[in-house]
Amino acid sequence: MRALAYGDRALLLDLDDGEEPVGWAAAIAEADLGALDIVPGARTVLVTASTPEQLGRIREALGGLTPRDTEADEDREPVEIPTVYDGPDLDEVCRLTGLSRDEVIAAHTGRPWTVAFGGFAPGFAYLTGGDERLEVPRRDDPRTAVPAGSVGLAGTFSGAYPRESPGGWQLIGRTDATLFDLDRDPPALLQPGDRVRFVEVGR
């Protein structure tokens, strides 16, 4: 792990292969180092502080930390996302993976996913840890408008669109779960580190 300066009040932790941003973010939060914000990404964690002096103290403390073992969270009940599997790219995912429709659905619902980080749009969570057979490329031609609630796959990730937006993920289903609500605390249904289970409905 490398701690890179990101202005005078932030550090960007650049992680090695196999290191989990969620584990590092959890370790920093639990150490109570006085960070203003801790934002995990795909291979990084951004840590912000209120002053350069506080940032220096955080940098020093990082040397004594190790990432938290996120497997310890496996006893937590996952957030369930009810999903109708009738997406427009379901047949294409079957072609790409060599699985039948039922096998794709079973693979997607068969084990909990983990929220690695949020991004792209408020409430959009990048989910990892699913069945390796579901790794598929993004669409060659992204859509200009993906309906809110669409559930998709891209690379090793799965996710659900919180609102209508452009997107290039392979859409395999849809959910009516409210993924982002400004009147809720926190507004995003899915937070980094949460476990998520897709549950098939409507068939």
N, C-alpha and C. Protein backbone atom coordinates (compact mmCIF):
# COMPACT_ATOMS: atom_id res chain seq x y z
N MET A 1 0.85 -1.19 0.00
CA MET A 1 0.00 0.00 0.00
C MET A 1 0.89 1.24 0.00
N ARG A 2 0.59 2.19 -0.87
CA ARG A 2 1.34 3.44 -0.96
C ARG A 2 0.39 4.60 -0.63
N ALA A 3 0.82 5.48 0.28
CA ALA A 3 0.04 6.65 0.65
C ALA A 3 0.55 7.85 -0.15
N LEU A 4 -0.24 8.31 -1.10
CA LEU A 4 0.16 9.38 -2.00
C LEU A 4 -0.53 10.68 -1.59
N ALA A 5 0.21 11.79 -1.64
CA ALA A 5 -0.37 13.09 -1.33
C ALA A 5 -1.45 13.43 -2.35
N TYR A 6 -2.57 13.94 -1.85
CA TYR A 6 -3.70 14.32 -2.71
C TYR A 6 -4.13 15.71 -2.25
N GLY A 7 -3.28 16.70 -2.57
CA GLY A 7 -3.46 18.02 -1.98
C GLY A 7 -2.85 18.03 -0.58
N ASP A 8 -3.13 19.10 0.18
CA ASP A 8 -2.52 19.20 1.52
C ASP A 8 -3.42 18.66 2.62
N ARG A 9 -4.62 18.16 2.26
CA ARG A 9 -5.53 17.66 3.29
C ARG A 9 -6.13 16.30 2.93
N ALA A 10 -5.45 15.57 2.07
CA ALA A 10 -5.97 14.25 1.69
C ALA A 10 -4.83 13.33 1.28
N LEU A 11 -5.06 12.05 1.47
CA LEU A 11 -4.15 11.01 1.02
C LEU A 11 -4.92 10.05 0.13
N LEU A 12 -4.26 9.57 -0.91
CA LEU A 12 -4.83 8.54 -1.76
C LEU A 12 -4.02 7.27 -1.54
N LEU A 13 -4.64 6.26 -0.96
CA LEU A 13 -3.97 4.99 -0.72
C LEU A 13 -4.07 4.15 -1.98
N ASP A 14 -2.93 3.87 -2.58
CA ASP A 14 -2.85 3.07 -3.81
C ASP A 14 -2.54 1.64 -3.38
N LEU A 15 -3.47 0.73 -3.61
CA LEU A 15 -3.38 -0.61 -3.05
C LEU A 15 -2.76 -1.60 -4.03
N ASP A 16 -2.10 -2.61 -3.48
CA ASP A 16 -1.51 -3.68 -4.27
C ASP A 16 -2.60 -4.66 -4.72
N ASP A 17 -2.27 -5.47 -5.70
CA ASP A 17 -3.20 -6.51 -6.16
C ASP A 17 -3.62 -7.38 -4.97
N GLY A 18 -4.91 -7.66 -4.90
CA GLY A 18 -5.41 -8.53 -3.85
C GLY A 18 -5.79 -7.81 -2.57
N GLU A 19 -5.37 -6.54 -2.41
CA GLU A 19 -5.76 -5.79 -1.23
C GLU A 19 -7.14 -5.19 -1.44
N GLU A 20 -7.98 -5.27 -0.41
CA GLU A 20 -9.36 -4.83 -0.54
C GLU A 20 -9.53 -3.41 -0.02
N PRO A 21 -10.00 -2.50 -0.85
CA PRO A 21 -10.26 -1.14 -0.36
C PRO A 21 -11.23 -1.12 0.82
N VAL A 22 -12.24 -1.99 0.79
CA VAL A 22 -13.21 -2.01 1.88
C VAL A 22 -12.52 -2.37 3.19
N GLY A 23 -11.59 -3.32 3.15
CA GLY A 23 -10.87 -3.71 4.36
C GLY A 23 -10.03 -2.58 4.93
N TRP A 24 -9.34 -1.84 4.05
CA TRP A 24 -8.54 -0.70 4.50
C TRP A 24 -9.44 0.41 5.03
N ALA A 25 -10.53 0.70 4.32
CA ALA A 25 -11.44 1.75 4.78
C ALA A 25 -12.00 1.43 6.15
N ALA A 26 -12.37 0.15 6.37
CA ALA A 26 -12.90 -0.25 7.67
C ALA A 26 -11.84 -0.12 8.77
N ALA A 27 -10.61 -0.49 8.46
CA ALA A 27 -9.54 -0.41 9.45
C ALA A 27 -9.28 1.04 9.86
N ILE A 28 -9.28 1.95 8.88
CA ILE A 28 -9.03 3.37 9.16
C ILE A 28 -10.18 3.95 10.00
N ALA A 29 -11.41 3.57 9.64
CA ALA A 29 -12.57 4.07 10.39
C ALA A 29 -12.54 3.58 11.83
N GLU A 30 -12.23 2.31 12.03
CA GLU A 30 -12.22 1.74 13.38
C GLU A 30 -11.08 2.28 14.23
N ALA A 31 -9.99 2.72 13.58
CA ALA A 31 -8.86 3.28 14.33
C ALA A 31 -9.17 4.68 14.85
N ASP A 32 -10.24 5.29 14.34
CA ASP A 32 -10.68 6.61 14.80
C ASP A 32 -9.54 7.62 14.75
N LEU A 33 -9.01 7.81 13.55
CA LEU A 33 -7.86 8.68 13.36
C LEU A 33 -8.24 10.14 13.13
N GLY A 34 -9.52 10.43 13.15
CA GLY A 34 -9.96 11.80 12.95
C GLY A 34 -10.11 12.19 11.49
N ALA A 35 -10.24 11.20 10.62
CA ALA A 35 -10.43 11.49 9.20
C ALA A 35 -11.81 12.12 8.97
N LEU A 36 -11.88 13.11 8.09
CA LEU A 36 -13.16 13.70 7.72
C LEU A 36 -13.99 12.74 6.89
N ASP A 37 -13.34 12.09 5.94
CA ASP A 37 -14.05 11.18 5.05
C ASP A 37 -13.10 10.08 4.61
N ILE A 38 -13.68 8.90 4.37
CA ILE A 38 -12.93 7.74 3.91
C ILE A 38 -13.71 7.15 2.75
N VAL A 39 -13.13 7.20 1.55
CA VAL A 39 -13.87 6.83 0.35
C VAL A 39 -13.15 5.71 -0.39
N PRO A 40 -13.64 4.46 -0.30
CA PRO A 40 -13.00 3.37 -1.05
C PRO A 40 -13.34 3.45 -2.53
N GLY A 41 -12.39 3.04 -3.36
CA GLY A 41 -12.60 2.95 -4.80
C GLY A 41 -12.26 1.55 -5.28
N ALA A 42 -12.04 1.39 -6.57
CA ALA A 42 -11.76 0.07 -7.12
C ALA A 42 -10.40 -0.46 -6.64
N ARG A 43 -9.36 0.40 -6.60
CA ARG A 43 -8.03 0.00 -6.15
C ARG A 43 -7.42 1.04 -5.22
N THR A 44 -8.24 1.95 -4.70
CA THR A 44 -7.74 3.05 -3.89
C THR A 44 -8.67 3.32 -2.71
N VAL A 45 -8.16 4.08 -1.75
CA VAL A 45 -8.97 4.64 -0.67
C VAL A 45 -8.54 6.10 -0.50
N LEU A 46 -9.50 7.02 -0.59
CA LEU A 46 -9.22 8.44 -0.38
C LEU A 46 -9.54 8.77 1.08
N VAL A 47 -8.57 9.39 1.77
CA VAL A 47 -8.73 9.77 3.17
C VAL A 47 -8.52 11.27 3.27
N THR A 48 -9.52 12.00 3.79
CA THR A 48 -9.41 13.44 3.91
C THR A 48 -9.34 13.84 5.38
N ALA A 49 -8.72 15.01 5.63
CA ALA A 49 -8.56 15.53 6.99
C ALA A 49 -8.91 17.01 7.00
N SER A 50 -9.15 17.54 8.20
CA SER A 50 -9.55 18.95 8.32
C SER A 50 -8.37 19.90 8.21
N THR A 51 -7.17 19.43 8.57
CA THR A 51 -5.98 20.28 8.51
C THR A 51 -4.79 19.45 8.02
N PRO A 52 -3.76 20.12 7.49
CA PRO A 52 -2.55 19.38 7.11
C PRO A 52 -1.92 18.66 8.29
N GLU A 53 -2.02 19.25 9.49
CA GLU A 53 -1.43 18.62 10.67
C GLU A 53 -2.16 17.31 11.00
N GLN A 54 -3.48 17.34 10.92
CA GLN A 54 -4.24 16.12 11.18
C GLN A 54 -3.92 15.06 10.13
N LEU A 55 -3.74 15.50 8.89
CA LEU A 55 -3.39 14.56 7.84
C LEU A 55 -2.04 13.90 8.13
N GLY A 56 -1.09 14.69 8.66
CA GLY A 56 0.21 14.12 9.02
C GLY A 56 0.08 13.05 10.09
N ARG A 57 -0.79 13.28 11.06
CA ARG A 57 -1.00 12.28 12.11
C ARG A 57 -1.63 11.01 11.54
N ILE A 58 -2.55 11.18 10.59
CA ILE A 58 -3.17 10.02 9.95
C ILE A 58 -2.12 9.23 9.17
N ARG A 59 -1.28 9.94 8.43
CA ARG A 59 -0.24 9.27 7.64
C ARG A 59 0.67 8.44 8.56
N GLU A 60 1.06 9.00 9.69
CA GLU A 60 1.92 8.29 10.62
C GLU A 60 1.22 7.04 11.16
N ALA A 61 -0.06 7.16 11.47
CA ALA A 61 -0.80 6.04 12.06
C ALA A 61 -1.02 4.91 11.07
N LEU A 62 -1.03 5.22 9.79
CA LEU A 62 -1.29 4.18 8.78
C LEU A 62 -0.26 3.06 8.83
N GLY A 63 0.97 3.42 9.23
CA GLY A 63 2.02 2.41 9.27
C GLY A 63 1.74 1.29 10.25
N GLY A 64 0.89 1.55 11.24
CA GLY A 64 0.59 0.52 12.23
C GLY A 64 -0.71 -0.21 11.98
N LEU A 65 -1.34 0.05 10.84
CA LEU A 65 -2.63 -0.57 10.54
C LEU A 65 -2.48 -1.71 9.55
N THR A 66 -3.40 -2.62 9.62
CA THR A 66 -3.55 -3.67 8.60
C THR A 66 -5.02 -3.69 8.19
N PRO A 67 -5.31 -4.04 6.94
CA PRO A 67 -6.71 -4.04 6.51
C PRO A 67 -7.54 -5.03 7.31
N ARG A 68 -8.76 -4.62 7.60
CA ARG A 68 -9.65 -5.50 8.35
C ARG A 68 -10.07 -6.67 7.49
N ASP A 69 -10.20 -7.83 8.09
CA ASP A 69 -10.66 -9.03 7.38
C ASP A 69 -12.16 -8.91 7.18
N THR A 70 -12.56 -8.62 5.94
CA THR A 70 -13.98 -8.41 5.68
C THR A 70 -14.79 -9.70 5.77
N GLU A 71 -14.12 -10.85 5.83
CA GLU A 71 -14.86 -12.09 6.01
C GLU A 71 -15.53 -12.13 7.38
N ALA A 72 -15.08 -11.28 8.29
CA ALA A 72 -15.71 -11.22 9.61
C ALA A 72 -17.13 -10.69 9.52
N ASP A 73 -17.46 -10.04 8.39
CA ASP A 73 -18.81 -9.49 8.21
C ASP A 73 -19.79 -10.51 7.67
N GLU A 74 -19.36 -11.74 7.45
CA GLU A 74 -20.22 -12.70 6.80
C GLU A 74 -21.42 -13.10 7.66
N ASP A 75 -21.35 -12.82 8.96
CA ASP A 75 -22.49 -13.13 9.83
C ASP A 75 -23.59 -12.08 9.73
N ARG A 76 -23.27 -10.93 9.15
CA ARG A 76 -24.28 -9.87 9.00
C ARG A 76 -25.30 -10.28 7.95
N GLU A 77 -26.56 -9.98 8.23
CA GLU A 77 -27.60 -10.28 7.27
C GLU A 77 -27.43 -9.42 6.02
N PRO A 78 -27.48 -10.01 4.84
CA PRO A 78 -27.33 -9.20 3.62
C PRO A 78 -28.58 -8.38 3.34
N VAL A 79 -28.38 -7.28 2.64
CA VAL A 79 -29.50 -6.49 2.12
C VAL A 79 -30.08 -7.25 0.93
N GLU A 80 -31.37 -7.50 0.95
CA GLU A 80 -31.99 -8.26 -0.14
C GLU A 80 -32.53 -7.31 -1.21
N ILE A 81 -32.22 -7.62 -2.45
CA ILE A 81 -32.68 -6.83 -3.60
C ILE A 81 -33.61 -7.71 -4.44
N PRO A 82 -34.93 -7.53 -4.33
CA PRO A 82 -35.86 -8.33 -5.15
C PRO A 82 -35.67 -7.99 -6.62
N THR A 83 -35.53 -9.01 -7.45
CA THR A 83 -35.17 -8.79 -8.85
C THR A 83 -36.01 -9.67 -9.77
N VAL A 84 -36.55 -9.04 -10.80
CA VAL A 84 -37.21 -9.76 -11.89
C VAL A 84 -36.17 -9.95 -12.99
N TYR A 85 -35.90 -11.18 -13.36
CA TYR A 85 -34.84 -11.46 -14.34
C TYR A 85 -35.43 -11.56 -15.74
N ASP A 86 -35.63 -10.37 -16.34
CA ASP A 86 -36.15 -10.31 -17.71
C ASP A 86 -35.41 -9.23 -18.50
N GLY A 87 -34.15 -9.00 -18.15
CA GLY A 87 -33.40 -7.92 -18.79
C GLY A 87 -33.14 -8.15 -20.27
N PRO A 88 -32.99 -7.06 -21.03
CA PRO A 88 -32.80 -7.16 -22.48
C PRO A 88 -31.49 -7.82 -22.90
N ASP A 89 -30.52 -7.92 -21.98
CA ASP A 89 -29.23 -8.54 -22.32
C ASP A 89 -29.07 -9.93 -21.70
N LEU A 90 -30.14 -10.47 -21.14
CA LEU A 90 -30.02 -11.77 -20.48
C LEU A 90 -29.57 -12.85 -21.45
N ASP A 91 -30.14 -12.84 -22.65
CA ASP A 91 -29.74 -13.86 -23.63
C ASP A 91 -28.29 -13.67 -24.08
N GLU A 92 -27.85 -12.41 -24.17
CA GLU A 92 -26.46 -12.15 -24.54
C GLU A 92 -25.51 -12.63 -23.45
N VAL A 93 -25.89 -12.44 -22.19
CA VAL A 93 -25.07 -12.95 -21.09
C VAL A 93 -25.01 -14.47 -21.13
N CYS A 94 -26.13 -15.10 -21.49
CA CYS A 94 -26.12 -16.56 -21.65
C CYS A 94 -25.12 -16.97 -22.73
N ARG A 95 -25.12 -16.23 -23.84
CA ARG A 95 -24.20 -16.56 -24.94
C ARG A 95 -22.75 -16.38 -24.51
N LEU A 96 -22.48 -15.28 -23.81
CA LEU A 96 -21.11 -14.97 -23.40
C LEU A 96 -20.58 -15.95 -22.36
N THR A 97 -21.45 -16.43 -21.49
CA THR A 97 -21.01 -17.29 -20.40
C THR A 97 -21.18 -18.78 -20.70
N GLY A 98 -22.01 -19.10 -21.70
CA GLY A 98 -22.31 -20.50 -21.97
C GLY A 98 -23.30 -21.10 -20.98
N LEU A 99 -23.95 -20.24 -20.19
CA LEU A 99 -24.94 -20.71 -19.21
C LEU A 99 -26.35 -20.52 -19.75
N SER A 100 -27.27 -21.34 -19.25
CA SER A 100 -28.69 -21.15 -19.58
C SER A 100 -29.24 -19.98 -18.76
N ARG A 101 -30.45 -19.54 -19.10
CA ARG A 101 -31.08 -18.46 -18.33
C ARG A 101 -31.18 -18.84 -16.85
N ASP A 102 -31.66 -20.05 -16.59
CA ASP A 102 -31.80 -20.49 -15.20
C ASP A 102 -30.45 -20.54 -14.50
N GLU A 103 -29.41 -20.91 -15.22
CA GLU A 103 -28.08 -20.98 -14.61
C GLU A 103 -27.53 -19.59 -14.31
N VAL A 104 -27.78 -18.62 -15.20
CA VAL A 104 -27.36 -17.25 -14.95
C VAL A 104 -28.06 -16.71 -13.70
N ILE A 105 -29.37 -16.94 -13.62
CA ILE A 105 -30.13 -16.46 -12.47
C ILE A 105 -29.65 -17.13 -11.18
N ALA A 106 -29.43 -18.43 -11.25
CA ALA A 106 -28.95 -19.16 -10.06
C ALA A 106 -27.58 -18.66 -9.63
N ALA A 107 -26.71 -18.34 -10.61
CA ALA A 107 -25.38 -17.84 -10.28
C ALA A 107 -25.46 -16.45 -9.66
N HIS A 108 -26.36 -15.61 -10.17
CA HIS A 108 -26.47 -14.24 -9.68
C HIS A 108 -27.08 -14.18 -8.28
N THR A 109 -27.98 -15.09 -7.98
CA THR A 109 -28.66 -15.10 -6.69
C THR A 109 -28.02 -16.07 -5.70
N GLY A 110 -27.08 -16.87 -6.14
CA GLY A 110 -26.61 -17.99 -5.34
C GLY A 110 -25.69 -17.64 -4.19
N ARG A 111 -25.05 -16.49 -4.24
CA ARG A 111 -24.16 -16.10 -3.14
C ARG A 111 -24.25 -14.60 -2.93
N PRO A 112 -23.98 -14.14 -1.70
CA PRO A 112 -24.03 -12.69 -1.46
C PRO A 112 -22.89 -11.97 -2.18
N TRP A 113 -23.19 -10.77 -2.65
CA TRP A 113 -22.20 -9.86 -3.20
C TRP A 113 -21.77 -8.89 -2.09
N THR A 114 -20.70 -8.16 -2.31
CA THR A 114 -20.23 -7.17 -1.35
C THR A 114 -20.12 -5.82 -2.03
N VAL A 115 -20.58 -4.77 -1.36
CA VAL A 115 -20.43 -3.41 -1.90
C VAL A 115 -18.98 -3.00 -1.74
N ALA A 116 -18.28 -2.90 -2.87
CA ALA A 116 -16.87 -2.50 -2.84
C ALA A 116 -16.74 -0.98 -2.73
N PHE A 117 -17.54 -0.25 -3.49
CA PHE A 117 -17.49 1.21 -3.46
C PHE A 117 -18.69 1.74 -4.21
N GLY A 118 -18.96 3.02 -4.04
CA GLY A 118 -20.04 3.68 -4.77
C GLY A 118 -19.48 4.61 -5.82
N GLY A 119 -20.30 4.96 -6.80
CA GLY A 119 -19.83 5.87 -7.82
C GLY A 119 -20.77 5.92 -9.00
N PHE A 120 -20.36 6.64 -10.03
CA PHE A 120 -21.09 6.78 -11.28
C PHE A 120 -22.33 7.66 -11.11
N ALA A 121 -23.19 7.34 -10.14
CA ALA A 121 -24.39 8.12 -9.85
C ALA A 121 -24.70 7.94 -8.37
N PRO A 122 -25.34 8.93 -7.73
CA PRO A 122 -25.70 8.77 -6.32
C PRO A 122 -26.51 7.50 -6.08
N GLY A 123 -26.03 6.65 -5.17
CA GLY A 123 -26.73 5.42 -4.86
C GLY A 123 -26.32 4.23 -5.68
N PHE A 124 -25.42 4.42 -6.66
CA PHE A 124 -24.96 3.27 -7.46
C PHE A 124 -23.82 2.59 -6.72
N ALA A 125 -23.97 1.30 -6.45
CA ALA A 125 -22.97 0.53 -5.71
C ALA A 125 -22.34 -0.50 -6.63
N TYR A 126 -21.02 -0.54 -6.63
CA TYR A 126 -20.28 -1.56 -7.38
C TYR A 126 -20.13 -2.79 -6.50
N LEU A 127 -20.72 -3.89 -6.91
CA LEU A 127 -20.77 -5.11 -6.12
C LEU A 127 -19.75 -6.12 -6.64
N THR A 128 -19.01 -6.72 -5.72
CA THR A 128 -18.00 -7.72 -6.07
C THR A 128 -18.26 -9.01 -5.31
N GLY A 129 -17.48 -10.04 -5.68
CA GLY A 129 -17.55 -11.30 -4.95
C GLY A 129 -18.60 -12.27 -5.45
N GLY A 130 -19.14 -12.02 -6.63
CA GLY A 130 -20.14 -12.91 -7.19
C GLY A 130 -19.52 -14.12 -7.87
N ASP A 131 -20.35 -14.91 -8.48
CA ASP A 131 -19.92 -16.11 -9.19
C ASP A 131 -19.01 -15.71 -10.36
N GLU A 132 -17.81 -16.30 -10.39
CA GLU A 132 -16.83 -15.93 -11.42
C GLU A 132 -17.32 -16.20 -12.84
N ARG A 133 -18.27 -17.10 -13.00
CA ARG A 133 -18.77 -17.40 -14.34
C ARG A 133 -19.55 -16.24 -14.95
N LEU A 134 -19.93 -15.27 -14.13
CA LEU A 134 -20.72 -14.15 -14.62
C LEU A 134 -19.88 -12.97 -15.11
N GLU A 135 -18.58 -13.13 -15.19
CA GLU A 135 -17.73 -12.05 -15.68
C GLU A 135 -17.95 -11.87 -17.18
N VAL A 136 -18.49 -10.71 -17.56
CA VAL A 136 -18.80 -10.42 -18.96
C VAL A 136 -18.36 -8.99 -19.28
N PRO A 137 -18.06 -8.71 -20.54
CA PRO A 137 -17.65 -7.35 -20.90
C PRO A 137 -18.85 -6.40 -20.95
N ARG A 138 -18.55 -5.12 -20.89
CA ARG A 138 -19.60 -4.12 -21.12
C ARG A 138 -20.08 -4.23 -22.57
N ARG A 139 -21.23 -3.65 -22.82
CA ARG A 139 -21.78 -3.64 -24.18
C ARG A 139 -20.88 -2.83 -25.11
N ASP A 140 -20.81 -3.26 -26.36
CA ASP A 140 -20.06 -2.49 -27.36
C ASP A 140 -20.72 -1.14 -27.62
N ASP A 141 -22.06 -1.11 -27.53
CA ASP A 141 -22.82 0.12 -27.78
C ASP A 141 -23.61 0.48 -26.52
N PRO A 142 -23.07 1.39 -25.70
CA PRO A 142 -23.80 1.78 -24.49
C PRO A 142 -25.16 2.38 -24.82
N ARG A 143 -26.10 2.21 -23.92
CA ARG A 143 -27.43 2.80 -24.09
C ARG A 143 -27.40 4.25 -23.60
N THR A 144 -28.17 5.09 -24.27
CA THR A 144 -28.27 6.49 -23.84
C THR A 144 -29.18 6.65 -22.63
N ALA A 145 -30.08 5.69 -22.40
CA ALA A 145 -30.98 5.76 -21.26
C ALA A 145 -31.26 4.35 -20.74
N VAL A 146 -30.73 4.06 -19.56
CA VAL A 146 -31.00 2.79 -18.88
C VAL A 146 -32.06 3.08 -17.82
N PRO A 147 -33.16 2.33 -17.79
CA PRO A 147 -34.23 2.61 -16.82
C PRO A 147 -33.76 2.46 -15.37
N ALA A 148 -34.31 3.27 -14.50
CA ALA A 148 -34.04 3.14 -13.07
C ALA A 148 -34.41 1.74 -12.60
N GLY A 149 -33.59 1.16 -11.74
CA GLY A 149 -33.85 -0.16 -11.21
C GLY A 149 -33.26 -1.29 -12.03
N SER A 150 -32.66 -0.98 -13.18
CA SER A 150 -32.06 -2.02 -14.01
C SER A 150 -30.89 -2.67 -13.27
N VAL A 151 -30.83 -3.99 -13.33
CA VAL A 151 -29.76 -4.76 -12.68
C VAL A 151 -28.84 -5.28 -13.77
N GLY A 152 -27.53 -5.05 -13.63
CA GLY A 152 -26.62 -5.41 -14.70
C GLY A 152 -25.32 -6.02 -14.23
N LEU A 153 -24.54 -6.43 -15.23
CA LEU A 153 -23.22 -7.01 -15.03
C LEU A 153 -22.23 -6.29 -15.94
N ALA A 154 -21.00 -6.14 -15.45
CA ALA A 154 -19.92 -5.57 -16.26
C ALA A 154 -18.60 -5.98 -15.64
N GLY A 155 -17.78 -6.70 -16.39
CA GLY A 155 -16.54 -7.20 -15.82
C GLY A 155 -16.85 -8.13 -14.66
N THR A 156 -16.20 -7.89 -13.53
CA THR A 156 -16.44 -8.70 -12.34
C THR A 156 -17.52 -8.11 -11.44
N PHE A 157 -18.13 -7.00 -11.86
CA PHE A 157 -19.07 -6.27 -11.02
C PHE A 157 -20.52 -6.59 -11.38
N SER A 158 -21.39 -6.40 -10.38
CA SER A 158 -22.82 -6.31 -10.62
C SER A 158 -23.29 -5.01 -9.98
N GLY A 159 -24.47 -4.55 -10.37
CA GLY A 159 -24.99 -3.31 -9.80
C GLY A 159 -26.39 -3.05 -10.29
N ALA A 160 -27.05 -2.08 -9.64
CA ALA A 160 -28.41 -1.69 -10.01
C ALA A 160 -28.44 -0.17 -10.16
N TYR A 161 -29.04 0.29 -11.24
CA TYR A 161 -29.09 1.72 -11.55
C TYR A 161 -30.13 2.40 -10.65
N PRO A 162 -29.73 3.40 -9.85
CA PRO A 162 -30.69 4.07 -8.96
C PRO A 162 -31.63 5.03 -9.67
N ARG A 163 -31.27 5.45 -10.86
CA ARG A 163 -32.12 6.36 -11.63
C ARG A 163 -31.82 6.16 -13.11
N GLU A 164 -32.66 6.70 -13.97
CA GLU A 164 -32.42 6.58 -15.41
C GLU A 164 -31.14 7.33 -15.77
N SER A 165 -30.29 6.69 -16.54
CA SER A 165 -29.02 7.31 -16.92
C SER A 165 -28.41 6.53 -18.07
N PRO A 166 -27.43 7.10 -18.77
CA PRO A 166 -26.71 6.32 -19.77
C PRO A 166 -25.96 5.18 -19.10
N GLY A 167 -25.67 4.13 -19.86
CA GLY A 167 -24.92 3.03 -19.28
C GLY A 167 -24.61 1.95 -20.29
N GLY A 168 -23.53 1.22 -20.02
CA GLY A 168 -23.11 0.18 -20.95
C GLY A 168 -23.05 -1.20 -20.34
N TRP A 169 -23.70 -1.39 -19.18
CA TRP A 169 -23.67 -2.70 -18.56
C TRP A 169 -24.65 -3.65 -19.24
N GLN A 170 -24.38 -4.93 -19.07
CA GLN A 170 -25.29 -5.97 -19.60
C GLN A 170 -26.46 -6.12 -18.63
N LEU A 171 -27.66 -5.76 -19.10
CA LEU A 171 -28.83 -5.73 -18.22
C LEU A 171 -29.51 -7.08 -18.18
N ILE A 172 -29.59 -7.66 -16.97
CA ILE A 172 -30.18 -8.99 -16.84
C ILE A 172 -31.49 -8.98 -16.07
N GLY A 173 -31.84 -7.85 -15.44
CA GLY A 173 -33.08 -7.83 -14.67
C GLY A 173 -33.42 -6.43 -14.22
N ARG A 174 -34.38 -6.34 -13.28
CA ARG A 174 -34.82 -5.04 -12.76
C ARG A 174 -35.34 -5.23 -11.34
N THR A 175 -35.22 -4.16 -10.56
CA THR A 175 -35.70 -4.17 -9.18
C THR A 175 -36.51 -2.93 -8.90
N ASP A 176 -37.44 -3.04 -7.96
CA ASP A 176 -38.19 -1.85 -7.54
C ASP A 176 -37.67 -1.31 -6.20
N ALA A 177 -36.51 -1.82 -5.75
CA ALA A 177 -35.91 -1.31 -4.52
C ALA A 177 -35.53 0.16 -4.70
N THR A 178 -35.76 0.97 -3.68
CA THR A 178 -35.36 2.38 -3.71
C THR A 178 -33.90 2.48 -3.30
N LEU A 179 -33.05 2.69 -4.28
CA LEU A 179 -31.60 2.64 -4.04
C LEU A 179 -31.04 3.96 -3.52
N PHE A 180 -31.75 5.06 -3.78
CA PHE A 180 -31.28 6.36 -3.30
C PHE A 180 -32.48 7.22 -2.96
N ASP A 181 -32.49 7.76 -1.73
CA ASP A 181 -33.62 8.56 -1.25
C ASP A 181 -33.06 9.64 -0.33
N LEU A 182 -33.18 10.90 -0.73
CA LEU A 182 -32.63 12.00 0.06
C LEU A 182 -33.30 12.12 1.43
N ASP A 183 -34.50 11.58 1.58
CA ASP A 183 -35.19 11.64 2.87
C ASP A 183 -34.80 10.50 3.80
N ARG A 184 -33.88 9.64 3.36
CA ARG A 184 -33.44 8.52 4.18
C ARG A 184 -32.03 8.81 4.70
N ASP A 185 -31.69 8.25 5.86
CA ASP A 185 -30.35 8.44 6.43
C ASP A 185 -29.70 7.08 6.66
N PRO A 186 -28.66 6.73 5.89
CA PRO A 186 -28.09 7.52 4.78
C PRO A 186 -28.96 7.38 3.52
N PRO A 187 -28.82 8.32 2.58
CA PRO A 187 -29.66 8.28 1.39
C PRO A 187 -29.46 7.03 0.53
N ALA A 188 -28.23 6.54 0.45
CA ALA A 188 -27.93 5.35 -0.37
C ALA A 188 -28.29 4.09 0.40
N LEU A 189 -29.06 3.21 -0.22
CA LEU A 189 -29.44 1.96 0.42
C LEU A 189 -28.23 1.08 0.70
N LEU A 190 -27.27 1.08 -0.23
CA LEU A 190 -26.12 0.18 -0.15
C LEU A 190 -24.86 0.97 0.17
N GLN A 191 -24.17 0.57 1.25
CA GLN A 191 -22.96 1.25 1.72
C GLN A 191 -21.75 0.34 1.55
N PRO A 192 -20.56 0.91 1.33
CA PRO A 192 -19.35 0.07 1.22
C PRO A 192 -19.24 -0.91 2.39
N GLY A 193 -18.97 -2.15 2.05
CA GLY A 193 -18.87 -3.19 3.06
C GLY A 193 -20.15 -3.98 3.26
N ASP A 194 -21.29 -3.44 2.84
CA ASP A 194 -22.55 -4.18 2.96
C ASP A 194 -22.52 -5.45 2.12
N ARG A 195 -23.19 -6.46 2.61
CA ARG A 195 -23.41 -7.67 1.84
C ARG A 195 -24.78 -7.57 1.19
N VAL A 196 -24.89 -8.04 -0.04
CA VAL A 196 -26.11 -7.87 -0.83
C VAL A 196 -26.48 -9.21 -1.45
N ARG A 197 -27.75 -9.56 -1.33
CA ARG A 197 -28.22 -10.78 -1.99
C ARG A 197 -29.39 -10.43 -2.93
N PHE A 198 -29.24 -10.82 -4.19
CA PHE A 198 -30.33 -10.66 -5.14
C PHE A 198 -31.31 -11.82 -4.97
N VAL A 199 -32.60 -11.51 -4.93
CA VAL A 199 -33.64 -12.52 -4.73
C VAL A 199 -34.58 -12.48 -5.92
N GLU A 200 -34.73 -13.59 -6.61
CA GLU A 200 -35.59 -13.62 -7.78
C GLU A 200 -37.06 -13.52 -7.37
N VAL A 201 -37.82 -12.66 -8.06
CA VAL A 201 -39.25 -12.51 -7.84
C VAL A 201 -39.94 -12.44 -9.20
N GLY A 202 -41.23 -12.63 -9.19
CA GLY A 202 -42.02 -12.38 -10.38
C GLY A 202 -42.01 -13.47 -11.40
N ARG A 203 -41.60 -14.70 -11.01
CA ARG A 203 -41.65 -15.79 -11.97
C ARG A 203 -42.34 -17.00 -11.33
